[in-house]
Amino acid sequence: MRHTTSEDAAELRRRAERLRECAREARALARRLGPYVDDAAKKAAPRAADFRTGNDANAI
């Protein structure tokens, strides 16, 4: 089993903070993109259903 040194612990703390920072940025982007994605998904859903039922004319 490997022993953790203070340098290893410090590196893990830096990596954890960077991961938290990236998660905050991702949440902020998701909030801004959410309405756009919701609208696109609503428009695509009927077209995807057409494709599944064999009506390829309106398929995505």
N, C-alpha and C. Protein backbone atom coordinates (compact mmCIF):
# COMPACT_ATOMS: atom_id res chain seq x y z
N MET A 1 0.83 -1.17 0.00
CA MET A 1 0.00 0.00 0.00
C MET A 1 0.89 1.25 0.00
N ARG A 2 0.50 2.22 -0.79
CA ARG A 2 1.31 3.42 -0.93
C ARG A 2 1.01 4.41 0.19
N HIS A 3 2.05 5.02 0.72
CA HIS A 3 1.87 6.04 1.74
C HIS A 3 1.72 7.40 1.06
N THR A 4 0.78 8.18 1.52
CA THR A 4 0.55 9.50 0.96
C THR A 4 1.46 10.52 1.64
N THR A 5 2.18 11.24 0.82
CA THR A 5 3.04 12.29 1.36
C THR A 5 2.27 13.60 1.37
N SER A 6 2.84 14.61 2.00
CA SER A 6 2.18 15.92 2.04
C SER A 6 2.08 16.51 0.63
N GLU A 7 3.08 16.21 -0.22
CA GLU A 7 3.02 16.69 -1.61
C GLU A 7 1.88 16.02 -2.37
N ASP A 8 1.69 14.72 -2.14
CA ASP A 8 0.58 14.01 -2.79
C ASP A 8 -0.75 14.59 -2.33
N ALA A 9 -0.88 14.85 -1.04
CA ALA A 9 -2.12 15.41 -0.50
C ALA A 9 -2.37 16.80 -1.08
N ALA A 10 -1.32 17.61 -1.19
CA ALA A 10 -1.47 18.94 -1.75
C ALA A 10 -1.90 18.86 -3.22
N GLU A 11 -1.34 17.94 -3.95
CA GLU A 11 -1.72 17.75 -5.36
C GLU A 11 -3.17 17.32 -5.46
N LEU A 12 -3.60 16.43 -4.61
CA LEU A 12 -5.00 16.00 -4.61
C LEU A 12 -5.93 17.17 -4.29
N ARG A 13 -5.54 18.02 -3.35
CA ARG A 13 -6.36 19.19 -3.03
C ARG A 13 -6.44 20.14 -4.22
N ARG A 14 -5.33 20.36 -4.93
CA ARG A 14 -5.34 21.21 -6.12
C ARG A 14 -6.24 20.63 -7.21
N ARG A 15 -6.12 19.34 -7.41
CA ARG A 15 -6.95 18.69 -8.43
C ARG A 15 -8.43 18.75 -8.07
N ALA A 16 -8.73 18.56 -6.79
CA ALA A 16 -10.12 18.62 -6.34
C ALA A 16 -10.69 20.02 -6.54
N GLU A 17 -9.90 21.04 -6.21
CA GLU A 17 -10.36 22.42 -6.40
C GLU A 17 -10.58 22.71 -7.88
N ARG A 18 -9.69 22.24 -8.73
CA ARG A 18 -9.85 22.44 -10.18
C ARG A 18 -11.11 21.74 -10.68
N LEU A 19 -11.37 20.56 -10.17
CA LEU A 19 -12.59 19.83 -10.55
C LEU A 19 -13.83 20.59 -10.11
N ARG A 20 -13.81 21.14 -8.90
CA ARG A 20 -14.96 21.93 -8.43
C ARG A 20 -15.15 23.18 -9.30
N GLU A 21 -14.04 23.81 -9.68
CA GLU A 21 -14.11 24.99 -10.54
C GLU A 21 -14.73 24.64 -11.89
N CYS A 22 -14.31 23.53 -12.45
CA CYS A 22 -14.87 23.09 -13.74
C CYS A 22 -16.36 22.77 -13.60
N ALA A 23 -16.75 22.17 -12.50
CA ALA A 23 -18.16 21.86 -12.26
C ALA A 23 -18.98 23.14 -12.16
N ARG A 24 -18.45 24.17 -11.49
CA ARG A 24 -19.16 25.45 -11.40
C ARG A 24 -19.34 26.06 -12.79
N GLU A 25 -18.30 26.02 -13.59
CA GLU A 25 -18.39 26.55 -14.95
C GLU A 25 -19.40 25.77 -15.79
N ALA A 26 -19.42 24.46 -15.63
CA ALA A 26 -20.35 23.63 -16.38
C ALA A 26 -21.79 23.94 -15.99
N ARG A 27 -22.04 24.13 -14.70
CA ARG A 27 -23.39 24.48 -14.25
C ARG A 27 -23.82 25.84 -14.82
N ALA A 28 -22.91 26.80 -14.84
CA ALA A 28 -23.24 28.12 -15.39
C ALA A 28 -23.56 28.01 -16.88
N LEU A 29 -22.77 27.24 -17.61
CA LEU A 29 -23.04 27.05 -19.04
C LEU A 29 -24.37 26.34 -19.25
N ALA A 30 -24.64 25.35 -18.44
CA ALA A 30 -25.89 24.60 -18.58
C ALA A 30 -27.10 25.51 -18.35
N ARG A 31 -27.00 26.43 -17.39
CA ARG A 31 -28.10 27.36 -17.16
C ARG A 31 -28.36 28.23 -18.38
N ARG A 32 -27.29 28.69 -19.02
CA ARG A 32 -27.45 29.55 -20.20
C ARG A 32 -27.93 28.76 -21.41
N LEU A 33 -27.47 27.53 -21.56
CA LEU A 33 -27.84 26.73 -22.73
C LEU A 33 -29.17 26.00 -22.57
N GLY A 34 -29.62 25.85 -21.35
CA GLY A 34 -30.83 25.09 -21.06
C GLY A 34 -32.02 25.45 -21.93
N PRO A 35 -32.41 26.73 -21.99
CA PRO A 35 -33.57 27.09 -22.81
C PRO A 35 -33.39 26.75 -24.28
N TYR A 36 -32.19 26.94 -24.80
CA TYR A 36 -31.94 26.61 -26.20
C TYR A 36 -32.09 25.11 -26.44
N VAL A 37 -31.50 24.31 -25.56
CA VAL A 37 -31.56 22.86 -25.71
C VAL A 37 -32.99 22.37 -25.53
N ASP A 38 -33.72 22.93 -24.57
CA ASP A 38 -35.12 22.53 -24.36
C ASP A 38 -35.94 22.79 -25.61
N ASP A 39 -35.76 23.97 -26.21
CA ASP A 39 -36.50 24.32 -27.42
C ASP A 39 -36.15 23.38 -28.57
N ALA A 40 -34.86 23.12 -28.76
CA ALA A 40 -34.43 22.22 -29.83
C ALA A 40 -34.97 20.80 -29.61
N ALA A 41 -34.98 20.36 -28.37
CA ALA A 41 -35.49 19.01 -28.08
C ALA A 41 -36.99 18.92 -28.35
N LYS A 42 -37.73 19.96 -28.02
CA LYS A 42 -39.17 19.96 -28.28
C LYS A 42 -39.44 19.89 -29.79
N LYS A 43 -38.62 20.61 -30.56
CA LYS A 43 -38.80 20.59 -32.01
C LYS A 43 -38.39 19.25 -32.61
N ALA A 44 -37.38 18.62 -32.03
CA ALA A 44 -36.86 17.37 -32.59
C ALA A 44 -37.72 16.17 -32.23
N ALA A 45 -38.40 16.19 -31.09
CA ALA A 45 -39.15 15.02 -30.62
C ALA A 45 -40.17 14.52 -31.64
N PRO A 46 -41.02 15.38 -32.22
CA PRO A 46 -41.98 14.85 -33.21
C PRO A 46 -41.28 14.29 -34.44
N ARG A 47 -40.18 14.91 -34.85
CA ARG A 47 -39.45 14.43 -36.02
C ARG A 47 -38.83 13.06 -35.74
N ALA A 48 -38.34 12.86 -34.54
CA ALA A 48 -37.77 11.56 -34.18
C ALA A 48 -38.87 10.51 -34.16
N ALA A 49 -40.05 10.88 -33.68
CA ALA A 49 -41.18 9.93 -33.68
C ALA A 49 -41.56 9.55 -35.10
N ASP A 50 -41.54 10.52 -36.02
CA ASP A 50 -41.83 10.21 -37.43
C ASP A 50 -40.84 9.19 -37.97
N PHE A 51 -39.58 9.35 -37.62
CA PHE A 51 -38.56 8.43 -38.11
C PHE A 51 -38.83 7.02 -37.59
N ARG A 52 -39.20 6.91 -36.32
CA ARG A 52 -39.46 5.58 -35.74
C ARG A 52 -40.67 4.92 -36.37
N THR A 53 -41.64 5.71 -36.84
CA THR A 53 -42.85 5.12 -37.42
C THR A 53 -42.75 4.94 -38.93
N GLY A 54 -41.57 5.27 -39.50
CA GLY A 54 -41.36 5.03 -40.92
C GLY A 54 -41.58 6.22 -41.83
N ASN A 55 -41.97 7.36 -41.28
CA ASN A 55 -42.16 8.57 -42.08
C ASN A 55 -40.83 9.32 -42.13
N ASP A 56 -39.98 8.95 -43.05
CA ASP A 56 -38.62 9.51 -43.12
C ASP A 56 -38.59 10.95 -43.66
N ALA A 57 -39.68 11.45 -44.20
CA ALA A 57 -39.68 12.79 -44.80
C ALA A 57 -39.37 13.86 -43.76
N ASN A 58 -39.84 13.69 -42.55
CA ASN A 58 -39.61 14.69 -41.50
C ASN A 58 -38.54 14.27 -40.52
N ALA A 59 -37.85 13.20 -40.80
CA ALA A 59 -36.85 12.69 -39.86
C ALA A 59 -35.69 13.66 -39.71
N ILE A 60 -35.05 13.55 -38.60
CA ILE A 60 -33.89 14.40 -38.29
C ILE A 60 -32.75 14.03 -39.21
